Amino acid sequence: MNKINREKRTVRLMIRLYCLHKLKEKNMPEEYQQLADYACRRLDRCRFGEKKTACRKCPVHCYAPAQREKIRSVMRWSGPRMLFYAPLEAIRHMINR
C-alpha cells in the first residue's frame, strides 16, 4: 500500500474514532463524512505525493481554514487514543511522519 492510501486510511480511522467515542455517534455524521472525503481529496492532490511529510509540518497548507480547524481538533483528540484502538496504525503513523 502506498503512503497516500495509508494516510487516507489513517485519517478516516481517526475521524471514525472521534465520532464513535467523543461524539458518541454510532454512524459518522454527514459533516464528518464530508471532512473525511475532503481530507482524502486533499491527499490525492498533494503536490509532494509519496514524499509528503505530516500535514502539520508541510510548508503548503492546502486545507481551507474551517476544515483545517476541524481536522486539527479531530486529530488532537484521536491521536493519543489511536494507541489503544488501533495500535498498529498508530505506530505506522508515528514512524512515517
C-alpha atoms as a PDB file:
ATOM      1  CA  MET A   1       0.000   0.000   0.000  1.00  0.00           C
ATOM      2  CA  ASN A   2       1.405   3.396  -0.901  1.00  0.00           C
ATOM      3  CA  LYS A   3       1.829   6.293   1.523  1.00  0.00           C
ATOM      4  CA  ILE A   4      -1.142   8.333   0.289  1.00  0.00           C
ATOM      5  CA  ASN A   5      -3.566   5.402   0.662  1.00  0.00           C
ATOM      6  CA  ARG A   6      -2.178   4.654   4.118  1.00  0.00           C
ATOM      7  CA  GLU A   7      -2.694   8.309   5.108  1.00  0.00           C
ATOM      8  CA  LYS A   8      -6.273   8.192   3.808  1.00  0.00           C
ATOM      9  CA  ARG A   9      -6.999   5.074   5.818  1.00  0.00           C
ATOM     10  CA  THR A  10      -5.480   6.641   8.935  1.00  0.00           C
ATOM     11  CA  VAL A  11      -7.412   9.906   8.650  1.00  0.00           C
ATOM     12  CA  ARG A  12     -10.695   8.052   8.116  1.00  0.00           C
ATOM     13  CA  LEU A  13      -9.937   5.864  11.132  1.00  0.00           C
ATOM     14  CA  MET A  14      -9.166   8.906  13.279  1.00  0.00           C
ATOM     15  CA  ILE A  15     -12.422  10.595  12.263  1.00  0.00           C
ATOM     16  CA  ARG A  16     -14.358   7.378  12.922  1.00  0.00           C
ATOM     17  CA  LEU A  17     -12.827   7.065  16.403  1.00  0.00           C
ATOM     18  CA  TYR A  18     -13.662  10.689  17.139  1.00  0.00           C
ATOM     19  CA  CYS A  19     -17.288  10.230  16.097  1.00  0.00           C
ATOM     20  CA  LEU A  20     -17.721   6.938  17.926  1.00  0.00           C
ATOM     21  CA  HIS A  21     -16.031   7.767  21.226  1.00  0.00           C
ATOM     22  CA  LYS A  22     -16.047  11.548  21.553  1.00  0.00           C
ATOM     23  CA  LEU A  23     -19.368  12.364  19.875  1.00  0.00           C
ATOM     24  CA  LYS A  24     -20.973   9.044  20.906  1.00  0.00           C
ATOM     25  CA  GLU A  25     -22.354   8.543  17.381  1.00  0.00           C
ATOM     26  CA  LYS A  26     -22.567   5.004  16.009  1.00  0.00           C
ATOM     27  CA  ASN A  27     -22.686   6.283  12.432  1.00  0.00           C
ATOM     28  CA  MET A  28     -20.459   9.048  11.175  1.00  0.00           C
ATOM     29  CA  PRO A  29     -22.447  12.307  10.937  1.00  0.00           C
ATOM     30  CA  GLU A  30     -22.657  13.878   7.487  1.00  0.00           C
ATOM     31  CA  GLU A  31     -20.317  16.763   8.346  1.00  0.00           C
ATOM     32  CA  TYR A  32     -17.601  14.333   9.446  1.00  0.00           C
ATOM     33  CA  GLN A  33     -18.129  12.162   6.383  1.00  0.00           C
ATOM     34  CA  GLN A  34     -17.618  15.308   4.307  1.00  0.00           C
ATOM     35  CA  LEU A  35     -14.490  16.110   6.322  1.00  0.00           C
ATOM     36  CA  ALA A  36     -13.092  12.634   5.635  1.00  0.00           C
ATOM     37  CA  ASP A  37     -13.861  12.978   1.931  1.00  0.00           C
ATOM     38  CA  TYR A  38     -12.281  16.449   1.890  1.00  0.00           C
ATOM     39  CA  ALA A  39      -9.124  15.147   3.588  1.00  0.00           C
ATOM     40  CA  CYS A  40      -8.857  12.313   1.069  1.00  0.00           C
ATOM     41  CA  ARG A  41      -9.283  14.721  -1.848  1.00  0.00           C
ATOM     42  CA  ARG A  42      -6.527  16.909  -0.403  1.00  0.00           C
ATOM     43  CA  LEU A  43      -4.267  13.867  -0.085  1.00  0.00           C
ATOM     44  CA  ASP A  44      -4.985  12.884  -3.700  1.00  0.00           C
ATOM     45  CA  ARG A  45      -3.903  16.341  -4.834  1.00  0.00           C
ATOM     46  CA  CYS A  46      -0.865  16.660  -2.561  1.00  0.00           C
ATOM     47  CA  ARG A  47       1.934  18.183  -4.604  1.00  0.00           C
ATOM     48  CA  PHE A  48       4.545  16.174  -2.700  1.00  0.00           C
ATOM     49  CA  GLY A  49       2.918  12.809  -3.436  1.00  0.00           C
ATOM     50  CA  GLU A  50       4.717   9.856  -1.902  1.00  0.00           C
ATOM     51  CA  LYS A  51       7.387  12.155  -0.438  1.00  0.00           C
ATOM     52  CA  LYS A  52       4.919  14.094   1.683  1.00  0.00           C
ATOM     53  CA  THR A  53       5.555  14.831   5.322  1.00  0.00           C
ATOM     54  CA  ALA A  54       2.940  15.100   8.042  1.00  0.00           C
ATOM     55  CA  CYS A  55       0.446  17.785   7.072  1.00  0.00           C
ATOM     56  CA  ARG A  56       1.230  19.874  10.128  1.00  0.00           C
ATOM     57  CA  LYS A  57       4.901  20.038   9.060  1.00  0.00           C
ATOM     58  CA  CYS A  58       4.117  20.824   5.438  1.00  0.00           C
ATOM     59  CA  PRO A  59       5.157  24.244   4.085  1.00  0.00           C
ATOM     60  CA  VAL A  60       1.984  24.343   1.935  1.00  0.00           C
ATOM     61  CA  HIS A  61      -1.312  24.352   3.821  1.00  0.00           C
ATOM     62  CA  CYS A  62      -3.889  23.072   1.364  1.00  0.00           C
ATOM     63  CA  TYR A  63      -6.848  22.860   3.768  1.00  0.00           C
ATOM     64  CA  ALA A  64      -9.414  25.636   3.946  1.00  0.00           C
ATOM     65  CA  PRO A  65      -9.347  27.325   7.390  1.00  0.00           C
ATOM     66  CA  ALA A  66     -12.636  25.811   8.626  1.00  0.00           C
ATOM     67  CA  GLN A  67     -11.681  22.253   7.625  1.00  0.00           C
ATOM     68  CA  ARG A  68      -8.184  22.753   8.963  1.00  0.00           C
ATOM     69  CA  GLU A  69      -9.501  23.650  12.411  1.00  0.00           C
ATOM     70  CA  LYS A  70     -11.944  20.751  12.403  1.00  0.00           C
ATOM     71  CA  ILE A  71      -9.360  18.152  11.337  1.00  0.00           C
ATOM     72  CA  ARG A  72      -6.903  19.582  13.845  1.00  0.00           C
ATOM     73  CA  SER A  73      -9.368  19.077  16.707  1.00  0.00           C
ATOM     74  CA  VAL A  74     -10.205  15.538  15.488  1.00  0.00           C
ATOM     75  CA  MET A  75      -6.523  14.606  15.309  1.00  0.00           C
ATOM     76  CA  ARG A  76      -5.735  16.232  18.645  1.00  0.00           C
ATOM     77  CA  TRP A  77      -8.374  14.047  20.296  1.00  0.00           C
ATOM     78  CA  SER A  78      -7.868  10.851  18.260  1.00  0.00           C
ATOM     79  CA  GLY A  79      -4.081  10.821  18.008  1.00  0.00           C
ATOM     80  CA  PRO A  80      -3.262   9.775  21.584  1.00  0.00           C
ATOM     81  CA  ARG A  81      -6.144   7.286  21.659  1.00  0.00           C
ATOM     82  CA  MET A  82      -5.032   5.516  18.490  1.00  0.00           C
ATOM     83  CA  LEU A  83      -2.542   3.548  20.594  1.00  0.00           C
ATOM     84  CA  PHE A  84      -5.483   1.893  22.370  1.00  0.00           C
ATOM     85  CA  TYR A  85      -7.937   1.468  19.500  1.00  0.00           C
ATOM     86  CA  ALA A  86      -5.594   0.891  16.553  1.00  0.00           C
ATOM     87  CA  PRO A  87      -2.067   0.301  17.856  1.00  0.00           C
ATOM     88  CA  LEU A  88      -0.539  -0.887  14.577  1.00  0.00           C
ATOM     89  CA  GLU A  89      -1.922   2.102  12.664  1.00  0.00           C
ATOM     90  CA  ALA A  90      -0.681   4.454  15.380  1.00  0.00           C
ATOM     91  CA  ILE A  91       2.828   3.025  15.306  1.00  0.00           C
ATOM     92  CA  ARG A  92       2.962   3.151  11.497  1.00  0.00           C
ATOM     93  CA  HIS A  93       1.709   6.729  11.557  1.00  0.00           C
ATOM     94  CA  MET A  94       4.332   7.792  14.124  1.00  0.00           C
ATOM     95  CA  ILE A  95       7.155   6.096  12.213  1.00  0.00           C
ATOM     96  CA  ASN A  96       6.143   7.535   8.832  1.00  0.00           C
ATOM     97  CA  ARG A  97       5.631  11.115   9.942  1.00  0.00           C
END
